[in-house]
Amino acid sequence: MGLNDLKKEMLRKAQKEAERIASGQKEKDNALLADARKEGKRVVEEAKKEVALLIENERNEQTAAARLQARKIISDAKEDVVERALEQAFEELKKLRNSDEYKEIFASLIKEGLREIGKDAVVYVNKNDAKLAHGPGVKLADKFIDCAGGALIESRDGRVRVDNTLEASFEEKKESLRKEVFTRIFAKTKEEKKK
């Protein structure tokens, strides 16, 4: 074999080796590409699941917030109804001043205050009730108070005071009245929903 033939043979072997190496590299590249595609699909699927979970969580949070807001609106509306009912009740109480029953109530409010303060008490009333404020031990004050009715009984030195005005009496009972009104109004609503 001559030098030329040897060169050709070596060149052919080198070419064959290069093709074999290139073919092996191509297989490796194809395998890497297939692995990368699989990994890409897996990452996309994971991302889709995470997005779906985030969307579901956001939906749940928005639903919970909406429910909470709805409960607050309903609660505020109920409270408003109860407040208006209490205001109406107080207006009805003020109308009681024009009845014969008021005279008895007024007298008992003064007696109760005098019993707590003692004989040396001063009785404050509004201008309209001054003509009703009489009886044993009743010392009417020189000035009138601004109230819907009832009386304010005070010791002469001003240290002890019993507020038996209609406003004070109503305010004292307001919480129990609030509960009663709430129960009466909204217990009916619950019963109606059950039907």
N, C-alpha and C. Protein backbone atom coordinates (compact mmCIF):
# COMPACT_ATOMS: atom_id res chain seq x y z
N MET A 1 0.83 -1.15 0.00
CA MET A 1 0.00 0.00 0.00
C MET A 1 0.88 1.22 0.00
N GLY A 2 0.45 2.14 -0.83
CA GLY A 2 1.27 3.31 -0.97
C GLY A 2 0.82 4.40 -0.01
N LEU A 3 1.56 5.41 -0.04
CA LEU A 3 1.31 6.54 0.87
C LEU A 3 -0.04 7.16 0.57
N ASN A 4 -0.39 7.27 -0.65
CA ASN A 4 -1.68 7.83 -1.04
C ASN A 4 -2.81 6.94 -0.54
N ASP A 5 -2.61 5.63 -0.76
CA ASP A 5 -3.65 4.72 -0.31
C ASP A 5 -3.77 4.76 1.22
N LEU A 6 -2.67 4.88 1.87
CA LEU A 6 -2.67 4.96 3.33
C LEU A 6 -3.39 6.23 3.78
N LYS A 7 -3.16 7.32 3.09
CA LYS A 7 -3.82 8.59 3.42
C LYS A 7 -5.32 8.44 3.25
N LYS A 8 -5.71 7.83 2.09
CA LYS A 8 -7.13 7.65 1.80
C LYS A 8 -7.78 6.76 2.86
N GLU A 9 -7.07 5.67 3.20
CA GLU A 9 -7.60 4.74 4.19
C GLU A 9 -7.76 5.44 5.53
N MET A 10 -6.79 6.20 5.95
CA MET A 10 -6.85 6.92 7.21
C MET A 10 -7.96 7.97 7.18
N LEU A 11 -8.10 8.63 6.04
CA LEU A 11 -9.12 9.64 5.88
C LEU A 11 -10.50 8.99 5.96
N ARG A 12 -10.65 7.82 5.32
CA ARG A 12 -11.92 7.10 5.35
C ARG A 12 -12.24 6.65 6.77
N LYS A 13 -11.25 6.14 7.49
CA LYS A 13 -11.46 5.71 8.88
C LYS A 13 -11.80 6.91 9.76
N ALA A 14 -11.12 8.02 9.54
CA ALA A 14 -11.38 9.23 10.33
C ALA A 14 -12.80 9.73 10.07
N GLN A 15 -13.20 9.66 8.77
CA GLN A 15 -14.53 10.10 8.41
C GLN A 15 -15.58 9.20 9.06
N LYS A 16 -15.31 7.88 9.00
CA LYS A 16 -16.22 6.92 9.59
C LYS A 16 -16.34 7.16 11.09
N GLU A 17 -15.20 7.39 11.74
CA GLU A 17 -15.17 7.66 13.18
C GLU A 17 -15.93 8.95 13.48
N ALA A 18 -15.75 9.98 12.65
CA ALA A 18 -16.45 11.26 12.84
C ALA A 18 -17.94 11.07 12.69
N GLU A 19 -18.35 10.23 11.68
CA GLU A 19 -19.78 9.96 11.48
C GLU A 19 -20.35 9.21 12.68
N ARG A 20 -19.55 8.23 13.17
CA ARG A 20 -20.00 7.47 14.33
C ARG A 20 -20.15 8.39 15.55
N ILE A 21 -19.19 9.28 15.75
CA ILE A 21 -19.24 10.22 16.88
C ILE A 21 -20.42 11.17 16.70
N ALA A 22 -20.59 11.69 15.46
CA ALA A 22 -21.69 12.62 15.19
C ALA A 22 -23.03 11.93 15.39
N SER A 23 -23.11 10.67 14.96
CA SER A 23 -24.35 9.92 15.12
C SER A 23 -24.66 9.71 16.60
N GLY A 24 -23.63 9.39 17.38
CA GLY A 24 -23.81 9.21 18.82
C GLY A 24 -24.21 10.52 19.50
N GLN A 25 -23.60 11.59 19.05
CA GLN A 25 -23.93 12.91 19.62
C GLN A 25 -25.36 13.28 19.27
N LYS A 26 -25.78 12.93 18.02
CA LYS A 26 -27.14 13.24 17.59
C LYS A 26 -28.14 12.48 18.46
N GLU A 27 -27.80 11.22 18.75
CA GLU A 27 -28.68 10.42 19.61
C GLU A 27 -28.75 11.04 21.01
N LYS A 28 -27.58 11.47 21.51
CA LYS A 28 -27.56 12.12 22.82
C LYS A 28 -28.38 13.41 22.80
N ASP A 29 -28.19 14.19 21.71
CA ASP A 29 -28.95 15.44 21.58
C ASP A 29 -30.45 15.17 21.52
N ASN A 30 -30.85 14.13 20.75
CA ASN A 30 -32.27 13.78 20.65
C ASN A 30 -32.81 13.33 22.01
N ALA A 31 -32.00 12.55 22.74
CA ALA A 31 -32.42 12.10 24.07
C ALA A 31 -32.56 13.30 25.01
N LEU A 32 -31.59 14.22 24.96
CA LEU A 32 -31.66 15.43 25.78
C LEU A 32 -32.87 16.27 25.41
N LEU A 33 -33.12 16.39 24.10
CA LEU A 33 -34.27 17.17 23.64
C LEU A 33 -35.57 16.52 24.11
N ALA A 34 -35.65 15.20 24.03
CA ALA A 34 -36.85 14.49 24.50
C ALA A 34 -37.03 14.70 26.00
N ASP A 35 -35.93 14.60 26.75
CA ASP A 35 -36.00 14.84 28.21
C ASP A 35 -36.43 16.27 28.50
N ALA A 36 -35.90 17.22 27.75
CA ALA A 36 -36.26 18.63 27.95
C ALA A 36 -37.73 18.85 27.65
N ARG A 37 -38.23 18.20 26.60
CA ARG A 37 -39.65 18.33 26.25
C ARG A 37 -40.53 17.74 27.37
N LYS A 38 -40.13 16.56 27.88
CA LYS A 38 -40.88 15.94 28.98
C LYS A 38 -40.88 16.85 30.21
N GLU A 39 -39.71 17.39 30.54
CA GLU A 39 -39.59 18.30 31.69
C GLU A 39 -40.44 19.55 31.48
N GLY A 40 -40.41 20.07 30.26
CA GLY A 40 -41.22 21.25 29.93
C GLY A 40 -42.71 20.97 30.13
N LYS A 41 -43.17 19.79 29.62
CA LYS A 41 -44.58 19.42 29.80
C LYS A 41 -44.93 19.30 31.28
N ARG A 42 -44.00 18.66 32.05
CA ARG A 42 -44.24 18.49 33.49
C ARG A 42 -44.34 19.84 34.18
N VAL A 43 -43.43 20.76 33.85
CA VAL A 43 -43.44 22.10 34.45
C VAL A 43 -44.72 22.84 34.08
N VAL A 44 -45.15 22.72 32.82
CA VAL A 44 -46.39 23.39 32.39
C VAL A 44 -47.58 22.82 33.14
N GLU A 45 -47.64 21.48 33.28
CA GLU A 45 -48.75 20.85 34.00
C GLU A 45 -48.76 21.28 35.47
N GLU A 46 -47.59 21.32 36.08
CA GLU A 46 -47.47 21.78 37.47
C GLU A 46 -47.94 23.23 37.60
N ALA A 47 -47.52 24.06 36.65
CA ALA A 47 -47.92 25.48 36.67
C ALA A 47 -49.43 25.61 36.52
N LYS A 48 -50.01 24.79 35.63
CA LYS A 48 -51.47 24.82 35.45
C LYS A 48 -52.18 24.45 36.76
N LYS A 49 -51.66 23.41 37.43
CA LYS A 49 -52.26 22.99 38.70
C LYS A 49 -52.14 24.10 39.75
N GLU A 50 -50.96 24.73 39.81
CA GLU A 50 -50.76 25.81 40.78
C GLU A 50 -51.68 26.99 40.49
N VAL A 51 -51.82 27.33 39.21
CA VAL A 51 -52.71 28.43 38.82
C VAL A 51 -54.15 28.09 39.18
N ALA A 52 -54.55 26.85 38.89
CA ALA A 52 -55.92 26.43 39.23
C ALA A 52 -56.15 26.50 40.73
N LEU A 53 -55.15 26.08 41.51
CA LEU A 53 -55.26 26.14 42.97
C LEU A 53 -55.34 27.59 43.45
N LEU A 54 -54.50 28.46 42.88
CA LEU A 54 -54.54 29.88 43.23
C LEU A 54 -55.89 30.49 42.89
N ILE A 55 -56.41 30.14 41.71
CA ILE A 55 -57.72 30.67 41.31
C ILE A 55 -58.80 30.18 42.27
N GLU A 56 -58.76 28.91 42.63
CA GLU A 56 -59.74 28.35 43.57
C GLU A 56 -59.64 29.03 44.93
N ASN A 57 -58.41 29.21 45.42
CA ASN A 57 -58.21 29.89 46.71
C ASN A 57 -58.72 31.32 46.65
N GLU A 58 -58.43 32.02 45.57
CA GLU A 58 -58.90 33.41 45.41
C GLU A 58 -60.42 33.45 45.38
N ARG A 59 -61.02 32.50 44.64
CA ARG A 59 -62.48 32.43 44.57
C ARG A 59 -63.07 32.18 45.96
N ASN A 60 -62.45 31.25 46.70
CA ASN A 60 -62.92 30.95 48.06
C ASN A 60 -62.79 32.16 48.97
N GLU A 61 -61.66 32.87 48.87
CA GLU A 61 -61.47 34.08 49.69
C GLU A 61 -62.49 35.15 49.33
N GLN A 62 -62.74 35.33 48.03
CA GLN A 62 -63.72 36.34 47.61
C GLN A 62 -65.12 35.94 48.05
N THR A 63 -65.42 34.66 47.97
CA THR A 63 -66.74 34.18 48.42
C THR A 63 -66.89 34.40 49.92
N ALA A 64 -65.85 34.05 50.67
CA ALA A 64 -65.91 34.24 52.13
C ALA A 64 -66.04 35.72 52.47
N ALA A 65 -65.29 36.57 51.77
CA ALA A 65 -65.38 38.01 52.02
C ALA A 65 -66.77 38.53 51.67
N ALA A 66 -67.33 38.04 50.57
CA ALA A 66 -68.67 38.47 50.18
C ALA A 66 -69.71 38.03 51.21
N ARG A 67 -69.56 36.80 51.70
CA ARG A 67 -70.49 36.31 52.73
C ARG A 67 -70.38 37.13 54.00
N LEU A 68 -69.14 37.43 54.38
CA LEU A 68 -68.92 38.23 55.58
C LEU A 68 -69.53 39.62 55.41
N GLN A 69 -69.32 40.21 54.25
CA GLN A 69 -69.89 41.53 53.98
C GLN A 69 -71.42 41.47 53.99
N ALA A 70 -71.98 40.40 53.41
CA ALA A 70 -73.44 40.25 53.40
C ALA A 70 -73.97 40.12 54.82
N ARG A 71 -73.27 39.34 55.66
CA ARG A 71 -73.70 39.20 57.06
C ARG A 71 -73.65 40.54 57.78
N LYS A 72 -72.60 41.32 57.49
CA LYS A 72 -72.49 42.64 58.13
C LYS A 72 -73.62 43.56 57.67
N ILE A 73 -73.93 43.54 56.39
CA ILE A 73 -75.02 44.37 55.87
C ILE A 73 -76.33 43.96 56.53
N ILE A 74 -76.56 42.65 56.62
CA ILE A 74 -77.80 42.16 57.26
C ILE A 74 -77.82 42.55 58.73
N SER A 75 -76.70 42.37 59.40
CA SER A 75 -76.61 42.73 60.81
C SER A 75 -76.86 44.23 61.02
N ASP A 76 -76.24 45.05 60.16
CA ASP A 76 -76.45 46.50 60.26
C ASP A 76 -77.92 46.86 60.00
N ALA A 77 -78.52 46.18 59.02
CA ALA A 77 -79.92 46.45 58.71
C ALA A 77 -80.82 46.06 59.88
N LYS A 78 -80.52 44.91 60.49
CA LYS A 78 -81.30 44.47 61.66
C LYS A 78 -81.14 45.47 62.80
N GLU A 79 -79.90 45.91 63.02
CA GLU A 79 -79.64 46.87 64.09
C GLU A 79 -80.39 48.17 63.82
N ASP A 80 -80.43 48.58 62.56
CA ASP A 80 -81.15 49.80 62.19
C ASP A 80 -82.65 49.64 62.47
N VAL A 81 -83.20 48.48 62.14
CA VAL A 81 -84.62 48.21 62.40
C VAL A 81 -84.89 48.27 63.90
N VAL A 82 -84.03 47.64 64.69
CA VAL A 82 -84.20 47.62 66.14
C VAL A 82 -84.10 49.04 66.69
N GLU A 83 -83.12 49.81 66.21
CA GLU A 83 -82.95 51.20 66.68
C GLU A 83 -84.20 52.02 66.38
N ARG A 84 -84.73 51.87 65.16
CA ARG A 84 -85.95 52.62 64.81
C ARG A 84 -87.13 52.18 65.68
N ALA A 85 -87.20 50.89 65.98
CA ALA A 85 -88.27 50.40 66.85
C ALA A 85 -88.14 50.98 68.25
N LEU A 86 -86.90 51.08 68.75
CA LEU A 86 -86.67 51.68 70.07
C LEU A 86 -87.02 53.16 70.07
N GLU A 87 -86.68 53.84 68.99
CA GLU A 87 -87.04 55.27 68.88
C GLU A 87 -88.56 55.42 68.89
N GLN A 88 -89.25 54.55 68.18
CA GLN A 88 -90.72 54.60 68.17
C GLN A 88 -91.28 54.29 69.55
N ALA A 89 -90.65 53.34 70.23
CA ALA A 89 -91.11 53.00 71.58
C ALA A 89 -90.94 54.20 72.51
N PHE A 90 -89.83 54.93 72.39
CA PHE A 90 -89.62 56.10 73.23
C PHE A 90 -90.64 57.20 72.88
N GLU A 91 -90.95 57.35 71.61
CA GLU A 91 -91.97 58.33 71.21
C GLU A 91 -93.32 57.96 71.82
N GLU A 92 -93.63 56.67 71.84
CA GLU A 92 -94.88 56.22 72.47
C GLU A 92 -94.85 56.49 73.98
N LEU A 93 -93.68 56.29 74.59
CA LEU A 93 -93.52 56.56 76.02
C LEU A 93 -93.77 58.05 76.30
N LYS A 94 -93.28 58.91 75.43
CA LYS A 94 -93.48 60.35 75.62
C LYS A 94 -94.97 60.71 75.47
N LYS A 95 -95.68 59.98 74.61
CA LYS A 95 -97.11 60.24 74.44
C LYS A 95 -97.88 59.86 75.70
N LEU A 96 -97.31 58.98 76.49
CA LEU A 96 -97.93 58.55 77.74
C LEU A 96 -98.15 59.73 78.68
N ARG A 97 -97.36 60.78 78.51
CA ARG A 97 -97.48 61.97 79.37
C ARG A 97 -98.89 62.56 79.33
N ASN A 98 -99.61 62.34 78.25
CA ASN A 98 -100.95 62.92 78.11
C ASN A 98 -102.04 62.02 78.70
N SER A 99 -101.65 60.95 79.36
CA SER A 99 -102.66 60.04 79.90
C SER A 99 -102.78 60.18 81.42
N ASP A 100 -103.86 59.65 81.94
CA ASP A 100 -104.06 59.64 83.39
C ASP A 100 -103.03 58.71 84.05
N GLU A 101 -102.62 57.68 83.34
CA GLU A 101 -101.65 56.73 83.86
C GLU A 101 -100.32 57.43 84.16
N TYR A 102 -99.98 58.46 83.37
CA TYR A 102 -98.72 59.17 83.56
C TYR A 102 -98.66 59.82 84.94
N LYS A 103 -99.76 60.35 85.39
CA LYS A 103 -99.78 61.00 86.70
C LYS A 103 -99.33 60.04 87.80
N GLU A 104 -99.80 58.81 87.73
CA GLU A 104 -99.41 57.80 88.72
C GLU A 104 -97.93 57.43 88.57
N ILE A 105 -97.50 57.26 87.33
CA ILE A 105 -96.08 56.93 87.07
C ILE A 105 -95.20 58.05 87.58
N PHE A 106 -95.57 59.29 87.27
CA PHE A 106 -94.80 60.47 87.66
C PHE A 106 -94.67 60.53 89.19
N ALA A 107 -95.80 60.34 89.87
CA ALA A 107 -95.79 60.37 91.34
C ALA A 107 -94.90 59.27 91.90
N SER A 108 -94.95 58.08 91.33
CA SER A 108 -94.12 56.99 91.84
C SER A 108 -92.63 57.24 91.58
N LEU A 109 -92.29 57.88 90.45
CA LEU A 109 -90.89 58.22 90.16
C LEU A 109 -90.35 59.21 91.21
N ILE A 110 -91.17 60.17 91.58
CA ILE A 110 -90.75 61.14 92.60
C ILE A 110 -90.62 60.45 93.96
N LYS A 111 -91.61 59.63 94.32
CA LYS A 111 -91.56 58.93 95.61
C LYS A 111 -90.31 58.04 95.71
N GLU A 112 -90.02 57.35 94.64
CA GLU A 112 -88.84 56.48 94.63
C GLU A 112 -87.57 57.30 94.86
N GLY A 113 -87.46 58.43 94.20
CA GLY A 113 -86.28 59.29 94.37
C GLY A 113 -86.19 59.85 95.78
N LEU A 114 -87.32 60.28 96.33
CA LEU A 114 -87.34 60.82 97.69
C LEU A 114 -86.96 59.73 98.70
N ARG A 115 -87.41 58.51 98.45
CA ARG A 115 -87.08 57.40 99.33
C ARG A 115 -85.56 57.16 99.33
N GLU A 116 -84.92 57.29 98.19
CA GLU A 116 -83.47 57.07 98.09
C GLU A 116 -82.66 58.24 98.66
N ILE A 117 -83.11 59.45 98.44
CA ILE A 117 -82.35 60.64 98.86
C ILE A 117 -82.70 61.04 100.30
N GLY A 118 -83.94 60.99 100.63
CA GLY A 118 -84.37 61.42 101.96
C GLY A 118 -85.26 62.66 101.87
N LYS A 119 -85.64 63.15 103.05
CA LYS A 119 -86.60 64.26 103.12
C LYS A 119 -86.05 65.56 102.58
N ASP A 120 -84.79 65.77 102.73
CA ASP A 120 -84.20 67.06 102.35
C ASP A 120 -83.77 67.05 100.87
N ALA A 121 -84.69 66.65 99.99
CA ALA A 121 -84.37 66.55 98.56
C ALA A 121 -85.09 67.63 97.77
N VAL A 122 -84.48 67.97 96.63
CA VAL A 122 -85.06 68.94 95.71
C VAL A 122 -85.48 68.17 94.47
N VAL A 123 -86.66 68.48 93.96
CA VAL A 123 -87.20 67.77 92.80
C VAL A 123 -87.18 68.70 91.60
N TYR A 124 -86.50 68.24 90.54
CA TYR A 124 -86.44 68.99 89.28
C TYR A 124 -87.34 68.30 88.27
N VAL A 125 -88.17 69.06 87.59
CA VAL A 125 -89.08 68.53 86.57
C VAL A 125 -89.08 69.47 85.37
N ASN A 126 -89.72 69.04 84.29
CA ASN A 126 -89.86 69.97 83.17
C ASN A 126 -91.05 70.89 83.45
N LYS A 127 -91.12 71.94 82.69
CA LYS A 127 -92.13 72.98 82.93
C LYS A 127 -93.56 72.42 82.89
N ASN A 128 -93.83 71.48 81.98
CA ASN A 128 -95.18 70.93 81.83
C ASN A 128 -95.59 70.04 83.00
N ASP A 129 -94.61 69.45 83.70
CA ASP A 129 -94.94 68.56 84.81
C ASP A 129 -94.97 69.26 86.16
N ALA A 130 -94.68 70.54 86.19
CA ALA A 130 -94.61 71.27 87.47
C ALA A 130 -95.93 71.19 88.23
N LYS A 131 -97.03 71.26 87.53
CA LYS A 131 -98.35 71.23 88.21
C LYS A 131 -98.65 69.85 88.81
N LEU A 132 -97.93 68.80 88.33
CA LEU A 132 -98.14 67.45 88.87
C LEU A 132 -97.25 67.15 90.06
N ALA A 133 -96.20 67.95 90.23
CA ALA A 133 -95.19 67.68 91.27
C ALA A 133 -95.64 68.25 92.61
N HIS A 134 -96.43 67.51 93.30
CA HIS A 134 -96.88 67.95 94.63
C HIS A 134 -97.04 66.71 95.50
N GLY A 135 -97.16 66.94 96.74
CA GLY A 135 -97.32 65.82 97.66
C GLY A 135 -96.40 65.98 98.85
N PRO A 136 -96.52 65.08 99.80
CA PRO A 136 -95.70 65.18 101.02
C PRO A 136 -94.21 65.04 100.71
N GLY A 137 -93.42 65.97 101.21
CA GLY A 137 -91.97 65.94 101.06
C GLY A 137 -91.45 66.43 99.73
N VAL A 138 -92.32 66.86 98.82
CA VAL A 138 -91.89 67.32 97.50
C VAL A 138 -91.53 68.80 97.58
N LYS A 139 -90.24 69.08 97.39
CA LYS A 139 -89.77 70.48 97.33
C LYS A 139 -89.31 70.71 95.91
N LEU A 140 -90.13 71.42 95.17
CA LEU A 140 -89.86 71.66 93.76
C LEU A 140 -88.72 72.66 93.60
N ALA A 141 -87.81 72.40 92.68
CA ALA A 141 -86.68 73.30 92.42
C ALA A 141 -87.17 74.59 91.77
N ASP A 142 -86.35 75.64 91.86
CA ASP A 142 -86.70 76.93 91.27
C ASP A 142 -86.58 76.93 89.76
N LYS A 143 -85.80 76.01 89.22
CA LYS A 143 -85.64 75.99 87.76
C LYS A 143 -86.10 74.64 87.22
N PHE A 144 -86.42 74.66 85.93
CA PHE A 144 -86.93 73.45 85.27
C PHE A 144 -85.79 72.76 84.50
N ILE A 145 -86.00 71.48 84.23
CA ILE A 145 -85.02 70.74 83.44
C ILE A 145 -85.64 70.40 82.08
N ASP A 146 -84.78 70.15 81.13
CA ASP A 146 -85.23 69.79 79.80
C ASP A 146 -85.26 68.26 79.70
N CYS A 147 -86.45 67.70 79.78
CA CYS A 147 -86.60 66.25 79.67
C CYS A 147 -87.99 65.95 79.14
N ALA A 148 -88.21 64.72 78.70
CA ALA A 148 -89.50 64.32 78.15
C ALA A 148 -90.54 64.12 79.25
N GLY A 149 -90.08 63.90 80.46
CA GLY A 149 -90.98 63.67 81.58
C GLY A 149 -90.22 63.02 82.71
N GLY A 150 -90.92 62.78 83.80
CA GLY A 150 -90.27 62.20 84.97
C GLY A 150 -89.64 63.29 85.81
N ALA A 151 -88.72 62.90 86.68
CA ALA A 151 -88.13 63.88 87.60
C ALA A 151 -86.68 63.53 87.90
N LEU A 152 -85.96 64.56 88.29
CA LEU A 152 -84.58 64.41 88.77
C LEU A 152 -84.63 64.85 90.23
N ILE A 153 -84.24 63.93 91.11
CA ILE A 153 -84.30 64.22 92.54
C ILE A 153 -82.87 64.31 93.03
N GLU A 154 -82.60 65.40 93.77
CA GLU A 154 -81.22 65.66 94.17
C GLU A 154 -81.18 66.11 95.62
N SER A 155 -80.12 65.72 96.33
CA SER A 155 -79.96 66.20 97.70
C SER A 155 -79.68 67.71 97.64
N ARG A 156 -79.97 68.42 98.73
CA ARG A 156 -79.79 69.88 98.76
C ARG A 156 -78.34 70.29 98.44
N ASP A 157 -77.39 69.47 98.91
CA ASP A 157 -75.99 69.83 98.67
C ASP A 157 -75.52 69.38 97.27
N GLY A 158 -76.36 68.69 96.53
CA GLY A 158 -76.04 68.29 95.16
C GLY A 158 -75.13 67.09 95.03
N ARG A 159 -74.81 66.43 96.13
CA ARG A 159 -73.90 65.29 96.07
C ARG A 159 -74.56 64.01 95.58
N VAL A 160 -75.82 63.85 95.90
CA VAL A 160 -76.53 62.62 95.53
C VAL A 160 -77.66 63.00 94.58
N ARG A 161 -77.78 62.20 93.53
CA ARG A 161 -78.79 62.50 92.51
C ARG A 161 -79.42 61.20 92.04
N VAL A 162 -80.73 61.21 91.91
CA VAL A 162 -81.47 60.09 91.34
C VAL A 162 -82.16 60.61 90.08
N ASP A 163 -81.76 60.07 88.96
CA ASP A 163 -82.32 60.51 87.68
C ASP A 163 -83.46 59.57 87.30
N ASN A 164 -84.68 60.02 87.57
CA ASN A 164 -85.87 59.25 87.23
C ASN A 164 -86.63 59.92 86.09
N THR A 165 -85.88 60.52 85.17
CA THR A 165 -86.53 61.10 83.98
C THR A 165 -86.91 59.95 83.06
N LEU A 166 -87.82 60.22 82.14
CA LEU A 166 -88.20 59.18 81.18
C LEU A 166 -86.99 58.73 80.36
N GLU A 167 -86.14 59.70 80.00
CA GLU A 167 -84.96 59.37 79.21
C GLU A 167 -84.04 58.41 79.98
N ALA A 168 -83.79 58.73 81.25
CA ALA A 168 -82.89 57.89 82.05
C ALA A 168 -83.50 56.51 82.28
N SER A 169 -84.80 56.47 82.56
CA SER A 169 -85.47 55.18 82.77
C SER A 169 -85.43 54.34 81.50
N PHE A 170 -85.68 54.99 80.37
CA PHE A 170 -85.65 54.28 79.09
C PHE A 170 -84.23 53.78 78.79
N GLU A 171 -83.25 54.64 79.01
CA GLU A 171 -81.85 54.28 78.75
C GLU A 171 -81.41 53.11 79.62
N GLU A 172 -81.88 53.11 80.85
CA GLU A 172 -81.54 52.03 81.79
C GLU A 172 -82.07 50.68 81.32
N LYS A 173 -83.22 50.70 80.69
CA LYS A 173 -83.85 49.46 80.24
C LYS A 173 -83.61 49.19 78.75
N LYS A 174 -82.85 50.05 78.12
CA LYS A 174 -82.70 49.98 76.66
C LYS A 174 -82.11 48.66 76.17
N GLU A 175 -81.10 48.14 76.85
CA GLU A 175 -80.48 46.89 76.39
C GLU A 175 -81.44 45.71 76.47
N SER A 176 -82.18 45.62 77.56
CA SER A 176 -83.13 44.52 77.65
C SER A 176 -84.27 44.72 76.64
N LEU A 177 -84.67 45.97 76.43
CA LEU A 177 -85.68 46.26 75.40
C LEU A 177 -85.14 45.90 74.01
N ARG A 178 -83.87 46.22 73.77
CA ARG A 178 -83.24 45.92 72.48
C ARG A 178 -83.31 44.41 72.20
N LYS A 179 -82.97 43.62 73.22
CA LYS A 179 -83.00 42.16 73.06
C LYS A 179 -84.42 41.69 72.79
N GLU A 180 -85.35 42.24 73.54
CA GLU A 180 -86.76 41.86 73.38
C GLU A 180 -87.27 42.21 71.98
N VAL A 181 -86.98 43.42 71.53
CA VAL A 181 -87.42 43.85 70.19
C VAL A 181 -86.78 42.96 69.13
N PHE A 182 -85.48 42.72 69.27
CA PHE A 182 -84.76 41.88 68.30
C PHE A 182 -85.40 40.50 68.22
N THR A 183 -85.66 39.92 69.38
CA THR A 183 -86.24 38.58 69.43
C THR A 183 -87.62 38.57 68.79
N ARG A 184 -88.43 39.55 69.13
CA ARG A 184 -89.80 39.57 68.60
C ARG A 184 -89.82 39.77 67.08
N ILE A 185 -88.99 40.66 66.60
CA ILE A 185 -89.00 40.95 65.16
C ILE A 185 -88.37 39.81 64.37
N PHE A 186 -87.20 39.37 64.80
CA PHE A 186 -86.45 38.43 63.97
C PHE A 186 -86.73 36.97 64.26
N ALA A 187 -87.37 36.67 65.38
CA ALA A 187 -87.82 35.29 65.61
C ALA A 187 -88.92 34.96 64.61
N LYS A 188 -89.77 35.94 64.32
CA LYS A 188 -90.83 35.74 63.33
C LYS A 188 -90.21 35.48 61.97
N THR A 189 -89.18 36.22 61.64
CA THR A 189 -88.52 36.06 60.34
C THR A 189 -87.98 34.65 60.18
N LYS A 190 -87.34 34.11 61.23
CA LYS A 190 -86.79 32.75 61.18
C LYS A 190 -87.91 31.73 61.03
N GLU A 191 -89.03 31.94 61.76
CA GLU A 191 -90.15 31.02 61.67
C GLU A 191 -90.76 31.05 60.28
N GLU A 192 -90.85 32.24 59.69
CA GLU A 192 -91.41 32.37 58.34
C GLU A 192 -90.52 31.67 57.32
N LYS A 193 -89.21 31.73 57.52
CA LYS A 193 -88.29 31.06 56.59
C LYS A 193 -88.44 29.55 56.66
N LYS A 194 -88.75 29.02 57.86
CA LYS A 194 -88.89 27.59 58.03
C LYS A 194 -90.12 27.05 57.28
N LYS A 195 -91.14 27.89 57.15
CA LYS A 195 -92.40 27.44 56.51
C LYS A 195 -92.27 27.27 55.04
